[in-house]
Amino acid sequence: MLTLGQRTSAVPASRRFRPMVMVLPWLACVLGALLVHFGLPLLGVDEYWQSVLRRAGVLMIAAVSLNIVNGYAGQFSMGHAGFMAIGGYVAAAITYYGSLFFHGSAGDPAFAAQGTGLMLAGILLGALVAAGAGYLVGLPSLRLRGDYLAIVTLGFGEIIRVLLELTPSQIDTAAAVREHPIRALISLNGPTGFYGVPAYATLFWVWLLVLVTCVVAYRVKQSSSGRAFLSIREDEIAARSMGIDLTRYKVRAFVLAAFFGGVAGAVYAHTGANPSPQDAGFQRSFDIIIFVVLGGLGSLSGAALSALLLSLLGEVLRGPGPVLDAWAYCLAAAAALGIGAAVLRGLRNRGWVVVAAMAMIPVLLLGFAVLSGWAKARLGIDLGEYRLVLYAIMLILVMLLRPNGLLGVREIWELFGPMTDADKRRRTLGSGGPGGPGGGT
């Protein structure tokens, strides 16, 4: 009979601490969320930019979740906003009517701890309902491909929008909720939109769910199901010939995407925004598709980064004032990233190019804010009125210069590491060395 010590010593060293390795990503998610929640106020980031980062976090969750079905599985879904709306309304109803039922009022600071519990329960239930809707829609429609699937999912989003507009008026008294609790849950205030949802989604909860979504999406990509998704994306005929059940894996990808889409909508409903039927419209779905395409189909880090950058760009285009007020933070971020790029280049790490490009982002945002202020003061032109035109021009330029997206199919951490011989040869060719422009043969 082997002792516990003998059994432990017989396990290979690479597998002994596997449970701890499995827990580490989740601990990193919690620590990262705590760092964002407590670190940003210590750095002097005001409430305005904190609200911007909360909205950006919601869009990052939506982009990463849509990337599962559009990027991994290669299916073109245009109804993702519908799943977000389902999750948002379900979570909003749970928190709002639950507060009225148990406490008699919504948003009371004395009920904040219990209200946060209701929010988390609402997020989970909203995500599950959205996943169920994804299954019901995906099972019959994912036998279709290409444009046909896009039309079906677009129609689903419009159905959700119309159904939300037909819901009864919102109940705002505790007595009515306690008398008719079931009817209260479907009283979503029609086309006006659901109002009065307490803003329990702090930076901690938003960014915790952002990090958890990214970890789950990455693990799905590395799993056997993820490999099946990618094979379906590349060639459905070859995938079928290898024994992959196309419909089952497509539905699985659709349900996962719908689940985290419901999480995004549920978090959005608790950030102080009032969910409305327009949130289920095709315009919101197009915005999320833009994030995925610009980041790179199949790259979860690219989708998350493009959602974050375009959210910040939207604030710059809306008005230069907040960006000019934060000029010191922009320059400090650019300087820190520039130093990091110099260090990586000194260490012969090819990731210095990525860090250098990131260092240019705050400088460009600040430069555009200065240009916007100058145009308004000197020329009387408010670039904020043309922000949608400028936004579209920038999207066109990015697609012309980077047709595969910012990162293509790679993740950002794959761009780091020691320079290979191929990297050195490209540098030599670019500098006019032997075999390059101006060099010998």
Protein backbone atom coordinates (compact mmCIF):
# COMPACT_ATOMS: atom_id res chain seq x y z
CA MET A 1 0.00 0.00 0.00
CA LEU A 2 1.62 3.24 -1.15
CA THR A 3 1.67 6.19 1.17
CA LEU A 4 0.46 9.62 0.17
CA GLY A 5 4.05 10.86 -0.12
CA GLN A 6 4.99 7.96 -2.40
CA ARG A 7 1.97 8.59 -4.60
CA THR A 8 2.82 12.28 -4.82
CA SER A 9 6.46 11.57 -5.73
CA ALA A 10 5.31 9.20 -8.49
CA VAL A 11 3.40 12.04 -10.20
CA PRO A 12 5.53 13.93 -12.78
CA ALA A 13 6.71 17.33 -11.58
CA SER A 14 4.91 19.06 -14.47
CA ARG A 15 1.57 17.74 -13.18
CA ARG A 16 1.94 17.90 -9.40
CA PHE A 17 0.71 21.45 -9.02
CA ARG A 18 -1.79 21.37 -11.86
CA PRO A 19 -4.74 22.30 -9.56
CA MET A 20 -2.90 25.45 -8.52
CA VAL A 21 -2.13 26.25 -12.16
CA MET A 22 -5.82 25.88 -12.97
CA VAL A 23 -6.76 28.29 -10.18
CA LEU A 24 -4.14 30.92 -11.00
CA PRO A 25 -5.98 32.50 -13.98
CA TRP A 26 -9.07 33.09 -11.85
CA LEU A 27 -7.00 34.60 -9.05
CA ALA A 28 -5.35 36.82 -11.66
CA CYS A 29 -8.80 37.95 -12.80
CA VAL A 30 -9.74 38.98 -9.26
CA LEU A 31 -6.41 40.73 -8.66
CA GLY A 32 -6.64 42.54 -12.00
CA ALA A 33 -10.17 43.75 -11.24
CA LEU A 34 -9.08 44.95 -7.78
CA LEU A 35 -6.15 46.78 -9.34
CA VAL A 36 -8.43 48.60 -11.79
CA HIS A 37 -11.04 49.38 -9.14
CA PHE A 38 -8.68 50.79 -6.52
CA GLY A 39 -5.72 51.81 -8.67
CA LEU A 40 -7.45 54.21 -11.05
CA PRO A 41 -8.89 56.48 -8.31
CA LEU A 42 -5.47 56.56 -6.63
CA LEU A 43 -4.00 57.76 -9.93
CA GLY A 44 -6.54 60.59 -10.00
CA VAL A 45 -8.82 59.19 -12.72
CA ASP A 46 -12.12 61.03 -12.33
CA GLU A 47 -15.65 59.64 -12.44
CA TYR A 48 -16.08 60.58 -16.11
CA TRP A 49 -13.25 58.37 -17.31
CA GLN A 50 -14.29 55.63 -14.90
CA SER A 51 -17.73 55.62 -16.56
CA VAL A 52 -16.02 55.49 -19.97
CA LEU A 53 -14.01 52.46 -18.85
CA ARG A 54 -17.15 50.77 -17.54
CA ARG A 55 -18.84 51.19 -20.93
CA ALA A 56 -15.67 50.07 -22.68
CA GLY A 57 -15.61 46.94 -20.51
CA VAL A 58 -19.16 46.08 -21.55
CA LEU A 59 -18.23 46.43 -25.22
CA MET A 60 -15.12 44.28 -24.68
CA ILE A 61 -17.26 41.47 -23.25
CA ALA A 62 -19.64 41.77 -26.22
CA ALA A 63 -16.80 41.77 -28.76
CA VAL A 64 -14.99 38.77 -27.24
CA SER A 65 -18.25 36.81 -27.02
CA LEU A 66 -19.20 37.53 -30.64
CA ASN A 67 -15.69 36.50 -31.67
CA ILE A 68 -16.49 32.96 -30.50
CA VAL A 69 -19.10 32.46 -33.21
CA ASN A 70 -17.89 34.89 -35.90
CA GLY A 71 -14.15 34.43 -35.41
CA TYR A 72 -13.67 30.89 -34.10
CA ALA A 73 -16.51 29.09 -35.87
CA GLY A 74 -16.57 31.35 -38.93
CA GLN A 75 -20.35 31.93 -38.81
CA PHE A 76 -21.66 35.42 -39.57
CA SER A 77 -24.13 36.38 -36.84
CA MET A 78 -25.81 39.78 -36.94
CA GLY A 79 -28.17 39.37 -34.00
CA HIS A 80 -25.76 39.63 -31.09
CA ALA A 81 -27.41 42.79 -29.79
CA GLY A 82 -30.60 40.76 -29.32
CA PHE A 83 -28.85 38.46 -26.84
CA MET A 84 -27.41 41.48 -25.06
CA ALA A 85 -30.88 42.98 -24.77
CA ILE A 86 -32.30 39.73 -23.37
CA GLY A 87 -29.60 39.54 -20.72
CA GLY A 88 -29.92 43.24 -19.92
CA TYR A 89 -33.68 43.24 -19.46
CA VAL A 90 -33.75 40.03 -17.45
CA ALA A 91 -31.01 41.24 -15.10
CA ALA A 92 -32.58 44.70 -14.80
CA ALA A 93 -35.97 43.21 -13.91
CA ILE A 94 -34.42 40.88 -11.30
CA THR A 95 -32.50 43.69 -9.60
CA TYR A 96 -35.19 46.37 -9.79
CA TYR A 97 -38.25 44.33 -8.92
CA GLY A 98 -36.28 42.22 -6.45
CA SER A 99 -35.27 45.39 -4.60
CA LEU A 100 -38.90 46.53 -4.50
CA PHE A 101 -40.09 43.10 -3.36
CA PHE A 102 -37.56 42.57 -0.57
CA HIS A 103 -36.74 46.14 0.46
CA GLY A 104 -39.57 48.34 -0.76
CA SER A 105 -37.31 50.62 -2.82
CA ALA A 106 -34.59 50.39 -5.47
CA GLY A 107 -31.19 52.00 -5.17
CA ASP A 108 -31.23 52.52 -1.40
CA PRO A 109 -27.59 52.60 -0.11
CA ALA A 110 -28.68 50.57 2.91
CA PHE A 111 -29.60 47.75 0.52
CA ALA A 112 -26.38 47.93 -1.52
CA ALA A 113 -24.91 44.59 -0.38
CA GLN A 114 -28.16 42.68 -0.97
CA GLY A 115 -28.65 44.64 -4.20
CA THR A 116 -25.24 43.52 -5.45
CA GLY A 117 -26.30 39.94 -4.75
CA LEU A 118 -29.45 40.51 -6.78
CA MET A 119 -27.32 41.96 -9.57
CA LEU A 120 -25.07 38.90 -9.68
CA ALA A 121 -28.10 36.60 -9.67
CA GLY A 122 -29.65 38.70 -12.44
CA ILE A 123 -26.46 38.55 -14.52
CA LEU A 124 -26.34 34.77 -14.23
CA LEU A 125 -30.04 34.33 -14.98
CA GLY A 126 -29.93 36.82 -17.86
CA ALA A 127 -26.95 35.00 -19.37
CA LEU A 128 -28.72 31.65 -19.08
CA VAL A 129 -31.89 33.00 -20.70
CA ALA A 130 -29.79 34.50 -23.51
CA ALA A 131 -28.01 31.16 -23.95
CA GLY A 132 -31.38 29.41 -24.15
CA ALA A 133 -32.49 31.88 -26.81
CA GLY A 134 -29.22 31.23 -28.64
CA TYR A 135 -29.96 27.51 -28.63
CA LEU A 136 -33.50 27.98 -29.90
CA VAL A 137 -32.35 30.26 -32.68
CA GLY A 138 -29.14 28.43 -33.49
CA LEU A 139 -30.44 24.88 -33.75
CA PRO A 140 -32.59 25.45 -36.85
CA SER A 141 -30.73 28.41 -38.36
CA LEU A 142 -27.13 27.18 -38.16
CA ARG A 143 -27.86 24.62 -40.82
CA LEU A 144 -27.65 27.69 -43.03
CA ARG A 145 -24.43 29.39 -44.08
CA GLY A 146 -23.17 32.78 -45.17
CA ASP A 147 -25.70 35.43 -46.08
CA TYR A 148 -28.68 33.24 -45.16
CA LEU A 149 -27.46 32.86 -41.58
CA ALA A 150 -26.81 36.61 -41.35
CA ILE A 151 -30.38 37.37 -42.47
CA VAL A 152 -31.87 34.92 -39.96
CA THR A 153 -29.88 36.32 -37.02
CA LEU A 154 -30.67 39.88 -38.10
CA GLY A 155 -34.37 38.99 -38.11
CA PHE A 156 -34.01 37.50 -34.63
CA GLY A 157 -32.64 40.79 -33.30
CA GLU A 158 -35.53 42.70 -34.81
CA ILE A 159 -38.02 40.26 -33.27
CA ILE A 160 -36.52 40.87 -29.84
CA ARG A 161 -36.68 44.63 -30.35
CA VAL A 162 -40.37 44.56 -31.35
CA LEU A 163 -41.30 42.22 -28.49
CA LEU A 164 -39.63 44.53 -25.97
CA GLU A 165 -41.55 47.49 -27.38
CA LEU A 166 -44.82 45.63 -26.76
CA THR A 167 -44.19 44.91 -23.07
CA PRO A 168 -46.45 46.50 -20.39
CA SER A 169 -45.57 49.66 -18.48
CA GLN A 170 -43.08 49.46 -15.65
CA ILE A 171 -44.35 48.94 -12.08
CA ASP A 172 -42.89 51.34 -9.55
CA THR A 173 -44.57 50.44 -6.24
CA ALA A 174 -43.56 47.70 -3.83
CA ALA A 175 -47.19 46.79 -3.07
CA ALA A 176 -47.97 46.10 -6.74
CA VAL A 177 -44.82 44.01 -7.15
CA ARG A 178 -45.63 41.91 -4.07
CA GLU A 179 -49.19 41.40 -5.27
CA HIS A 180 -48.25 40.36 -8.82
CA PRO A 181 -44.57 39.30 -8.85
CA ILE A 182 -44.79 37.30 -12.08
CA ARG A 183 -46.51 40.08 -14.00
CA ALA A 184 -43.90 42.52 -12.71
CA LEU A 185 -41.06 40.54 -14.30
CA ILE A 186 -42.57 41.01 -17.76
CA SER A 187 -43.48 44.69 -17.24
CA LEU A 188 -40.49 46.17 -19.06
CA ASN A 189 -41.92 49.59 -19.97
CA GLY A 190 -42.28 49.13 -23.72
CA PRO A 191 -40.54 51.54 -26.13
CA THR A 192 -39.65 54.01 -23.35
CA GLY A 193 -37.00 51.72 -21.91
CA PHE A 194 -36.46 50.29 -18.45
CA TYR A 195 -35.44 52.95 -15.93
CA GLY A 196 -34.39 53.13 -12.29
CA VAL A 197 -31.98 50.17 -12.29
CA PRO A 198 -29.42 50.73 -9.50
CA ALA A 199 -25.85 51.20 -10.77
CA TYR A 200 -24.28 48.35 -8.83
CA ALA A 201 -21.80 47.48 -11.61
CA THR A 202 -18.63 49.13 -10.32
CA LEU A 203 -15.27 49.01 -12.05
CA PHE A 204 -14.44 45.88 -10.07
CA TRP A 205 -17.45 43.89 -11.28
CA VAL A 206 -17.21 45.11 -14.87
CA TRP A 207 -13.53 44.33 -15.29
CA LEU A 208 -13.75 41.09 -13.33
CA LEU A 209 -16.29 39.87 -15.88
CA VAL A 210 -14.14 41.23 -18.74
CA LEU A 211 -11.16 39.19 -17.55
CA VAL A 212 -13.24 36.09 -16.83
CA THR A 213 -14.77 36.27 -20.32
CA CYS A 214 -11.32 36.54 -21.89
CA VAL A 215 -9.99 33.58 -19.89
CA VAL A 216 -12.98 31.41 -20.81
CA ALA A 217 -12.77 32.42 -24.49
CA TYR A 218 -9.05 31.61 -24.61
CA ARG A 219 -9.55 28.24 -22.94
CA VAL A 220 -12.35 27.44 -25.36
CA LYS A 221 -10.01 28.31 -28.24
CA GLN A 222 -7.36 25.92 -26.90
CA SER A 223 -9.81 23.11 -26.18
CA SER A 224 -10.93 20.31 -28.48
CA SER A 225 -14.16 22.20 -29.12
CA GLY A 226 -12.15 25.27 -30.07
CA ARG A 227 -10.08 23.25 -32.52
CA ALA A 228 -13.31 21.94 -34.00
CA PHE A 229 -14.60 25.52 -34.31
CA LEU A 230 -11.44 26.58 -36.14
CA SER A 231 -11.57 23.58 -38.48
CA ILE A 232 -15.19 24.44 -39.36
CA ARG A 233 -14.12 28.02 -40.05
CA GLU A 234 -11.33 26.93 -42.39
CA ASP A 235 -13.13 24.21 -44.36
CA GLU A 236 -16.51 22.72 -43.46
CA ILE A 237 -16.20 19.87 -45.97
CA ALA A 238 -12.83 18.78 -44.56
CA ALA A 239 -14.16 19.10 -41.00
CA ARG A 240 -17.16 16.92 -41.82
CA SER A 241 -14.92 14.33 -43.46
CA MET A 242 -12.93 14.11 -40.21
CA GLY A 243 -16.09 13.24 -38.28
CA ILE A 244 -16.94 16.63 -36.80
CA ASP A 245 -20.67 17.18 -36.25
CA LEU A 246 -21.01 20.62 -37.86
CA THR A 247 -24.44 21.47 -36.47
CA ARG A 248 -23.58 20.46 -32.92
CA TYR A 249 -20.40 22.52 -32.80
CA LYS A 250 -22.01 25.50 -34.51
CA VAL A 251 -24.82 25.47 -31.95
CA ARG A 252 -22.27 25.13 -29.15
CA ALA A 253 -20.40 28.19 -30.40
CA PHE A 254 -23.67 30.08 -30.80
CA VAL A 255 -24.80 29.24 -27.24
CA LEU A 256 -21.46 30.27 -25.73
CA ALA A 257 -21.52 33.55 -27.62
CA ALA A 258 -25.13 34.19 -26.58
CA PHE A 259 -24.31 33.42 -22.93
CA PHE A 260 -21.53 35.99 -22.70
CA GLY A 261 -23.53 38.40 -24.84
CA GLY A 262 -26.21 38.16 -22.15
CA VAL A 263 -23.51 38.88 -19.54
CA ALA A 264 -22.52 42.02 -21.45
CA GLY A 265 -26.10 43.24 -21.64
CA ALA A 266 -26.73 42.47 -17.97
CA VAL A 267 -23.64 44.40 -16.87
CA TYR A 268 -24.61 47.30 -19.14
CA ALA A 269 -28.03 47.51 -17.46
CA HIS A 270 -26.30 48.05 -14.09
CA THR A 271 -23.85 50.76 -15.17
CA GLY A 272 -26.40 53.55 -14.82
CA ALA A 273 -27.71 53.22 -18.39
CA ASN A 274 -31.38 52.60 -19.09
CA PRO A 275 -31.80 49.53 -21.32
CA SER A 276 -34.17 50.19 -24.20
CA PRO A 277 -35.52 48.20 -27.19
CA GLN A 278 -33.16 50.15 -29.47
CA ASP A 279 -30.30 48.27 -27.80
CA ALA A 280 -31.49 45.16 -29.67
CA GLY A 281 -31.38 46.93 -33.05
CA PHE A 282 -29.03 46.06 -35.86
CA GLN A 283 -26.93 49.22 -35.34
CA ARG A 284 -25.61 47.87 -32.03
CA SER A 285 -24.89 44.52 -33.67
CA PHE A 286 -22.96 46.27 -36.45
CA ASP A 287 -20.86 48.14 -33.89
CA ILE A 288 -19.83 44.88 -32.22
CA ILE A 289 -19.09 43.26 -35.59
CA ILE A 290 -16.79 46.20 -36.37
CA PHE A 291 -14.84 45.52 -33.16
CA VAL A 292 -14.39 41.87 -34.09
CA VAL A 293 -13.38 42.53 -37.71
CA LEU A 294 -10.95 45.32 -36.85
CA GLY A 295 -9.34 43.30 -34.08
CA GLY A 296 -8.97 40.25 -36.29
CA LEU A 297 -11.37 37.34 -36.77
CA GLY A 298 -10.29 34.67 -34.33
CA SER A 299 -8.17 36.95 -32.12
CA LEU A 300 -9.84 37.53 -28.75
CA SER A 301 -7.16 40.01 -27.65
CA GLY A 302 -7.62 41.89 -30.93
CA ALA A 303 -11.39 42.10 -30.43
CA ALA A 304 -10.94 43.33 -26.84
CA LEU A 305 -8.31 45.91 -27.78
CA SER A 306 -10.30 47.26 -30.72
CA ALA A 307 -13.39 47.64 -28.50
CA LEU A 308 -11.33 49.54 -25.92
CA LEU A 309 -9.57 51.78 -28.46
CA LEU A 310 -12.70 52.61 -30.43
CA SER A 311 -14.55 53.42 -27.20
CA LEU A 312 -11.82 55.89 -26.27
CA LEU A 313 -11.81 57.26 -29.82
CA GLY A 314 -15.54 57.87 -29.60
CA GLU A 315 -15.01 60.02 -26.51
CA VAL A 316 -12.29 62.02 -28.26
CA LEU A 317 -14.54 62.63 -31.26
CA ARG A 318 -17.42 63.63 -28.99
CA GLY A 319 -15.41 66.50 -27.50
CA PRO A 320 -11.73 67.30 -26.83
CA GLY A 321 -12.25 68.76 -23.36
CA PRO A 322 -11.93 65.59 -21.24
CA VAL A 323 -8.88 64.44 -23.23
CA LEU A 324 -7.14 67.80 -22.90
CA ASP A 325 -7.81 67.76 -19.17
CA ALA A 326 -6.07 64.38 -18.99
CA TRP A 327 -3.02 65.44 -21.04
CA ALA A 328 -0.60 64.53 -18.24
CA TYR A 329 -1.94 60.96 -18.09
CA CYS A 330 -1.65 60.62 -21.87
CA LEU A 331 1.97 61.75 -21.91
CA ALA A 332 2.84 59.60 -18.88
CA ALA A 333 1.31 56.52 -20.51
CA ALA A 334 3.16 57.21 -23.77
CA ALA A 335 6.46 57.70 -21.92
CA ALA A 336 6.04 54.49 -19.91
CA LEU A 337 5.20 52.46 -23.01
CA GLY A 338 8.08 54.07 -24.92
CA ILE A 339 10.54 53.08 -22.20
CA GLY A 340 9.14 49.57 -22.27
CA ALA A 341 9.59 49.39 -26.04
CA ALA A 342 13.21 50.56 -25.72
CA VAL A 343 13.92 47.93 -23.07
CA LEU A 344 12.38 45.16 -25.17
CA ARG A 345 14.38 46.21 -28.20
CA GLY A 346 17.54 46.18 -26.12
CA LEU A 347 16.67 42.64 -25.07
CA ARG A 348 16.14 41.66 -28.73
CA ASN A 349 12.47 40.93 -28.11
CA ARG A 350 10.29 41.37 -31.19
CA GLY A 351 7.42 42.60 -29.03
CA TRP A 352 9.00 46.06 -28.92
CA VAL A 353 7.14 46.92 -32.14
CA VAL A 354 3.79 46.23 -30.47
CA VAL A 355 4.64 48.28 -27.39
CA ALA A 356 5.94 51.15 -29.54
CA ALA A 357 2.71 51.17 -31.52
CA MET A 358 0.73 51.24 -28.27
CA ALA A 359 2.85 54.17 -27.07
CA MET A 360 1.68 56.18 -30.08
CA ILE A 361 -2.01 55.73 -29.23
CA PRO A 362 -2.23 58.22 -26.31
CA VAL A 363 -0.10 60.70 -28.29
CA LEU A 364 -2.44 60.46 -31.29
CA LEU A 365 -5.52 60.83 -29.09
CA LEU A 366 -4.04 63.91 -27.46
CA GLY A 367 -2.97 65.33 -30.84
CA PHE A 368 -6.44 64.87 -32.26
CA ALA A 369 -7.95 66.57 -29.22
CA VAL A 370 -5.60 69.55 -29.71
CA LEU A 371 -6.54 69.70 -33.40
CA SER A 372 -10.24 69.58 -32.54
CA GLY A 373 -9.87 72.43 -30.04
CA TRP A 374 -7.85 74.52 -32.51
CA ALA A 375 -10.41 73.98 -35.31
CA LYS A 376 -13.23 75.11 -33.07
CA ALA A 377 -11.38 78.16 -31.72
CA ARG A 378 -9.77 79.36 -34.97
CA LEU A 379 -12.03 78.11 -37.74
CA GLY A 380 -15.34 77.80 -35.94
CA ILE A 381 -15.59 74.14 -36.97
CA ASP A 382 -16.81 71.69 -34.35
CA LEU A 383 -15.27 68.35 -35.30
CA GLY A 384 -17.60 66.70 -32.79
CA GLU A 385 -20.46 67.25 -35.24
CA TYR A 386 -18.53 65.27 -37.86
CA ARG A 387 -17.42 62.52 -35.49
CA LEU A 388 -19.37 59.80 -37.29
CA VAL A 389 -17.83 60.82 -40.62
CA LEU A 390 -14.32 60.86 -39.14
CA TYR A 391 -15.01 57.55 -37.42
CA ALA A 392 -16.02 55.99 -40.75
CA ILE A 393 -12.93 57.39 -42.50
CA MET A 394 -10.66 55.89 -39.86
CA LEU A 395 -12.37 52.52 -40.22
CA ILE A 396 -11.85 52.61 -43.98
CA LEU A 397 -8.18 53.46 -43.57
CA VAL A 398 -7.64 50.64 -41.08
CA MET A 399 -9.30 48.12 -43.38
CA LEU A 400 -7.22 49.31 -46.34
CA LEU A 401 -3.96 49.15 -44.40
CA ARG A 402 -4.76 46.08 -42.27
CA PRO A 403 -7.41 44.02 -44.12
CA ASN A 404 -6.98 41.11 -41.70
CA GLY A 405 -7.51 43.32 -38.66
CA LEU A 406 -5.07 44.63 -36.12
CA LEU A 407 -3.79 41.20 -35.06
CA GLY A 408 -5.14 38.91 -37.77
CA VAL A 409 -5.69 35.46 -36.26
CA ARG A 410 -2.93 35.84 -33.63
CA GLU A 411 -3.08 36.93 -30.02
CA ILE A 412 -1.09 39.89 -28.82
CA TRP A 413 1.17 37.79 -26.56
CA GLU A 414 2.17 35.69 -29.57
CA LEU A 415 3.92 38.77 -30.96
CA PHE A 416 6.40 38.77 -28.08
CA GLY A 417 9.46 36.59 -27.71
CA PRO A 418 13.09 36.43 -28.87
CA MET A 419 13.79 37.56 -32.40
CA THR A 420 13.97 34.64 -34.79
CA ASP A 421 16.30 34.29 -37.76
CA ALA A 422 13.40 35.32 -40.02
CA ASP A 423 12.95 38.55 -38.02
CA LYS A 424 16.65 39.31 -38.30
CA ARG A 425 16.59 38.69 -42.06
CA ARG A 426 13.61 41.06 -42.46
CA ARG A 427 15.46 43.74 -40.50
CA THR A 428 18.55 43.22 -42.64
CA LEU A 429 16.55 43.43 -45.88
CA GLY A 430 14.74 46.53 -44.69
CA SER A 431 18.02 48.31 -43.81
CA GLY A 432 19.64 47.74 -47.18
CA GLY A 433 21.95 44.94 -46.05
CA PRO A 434 23.16 42.04 -48.21
CA GLY A 435 20.42 40.91 -50.48
CA GLY A 436 18.24 43.89 -49.58
CA PRO A 437 17.55 47.20 -51.35
CA GLY A 438 20.85 48.74 -52.15
CA GLY A 439 22.80 45.74 -50.94
CA GLY A 440 24.83 43.12 -52.73
CA THR A 441 23.59 39.73 -53.84
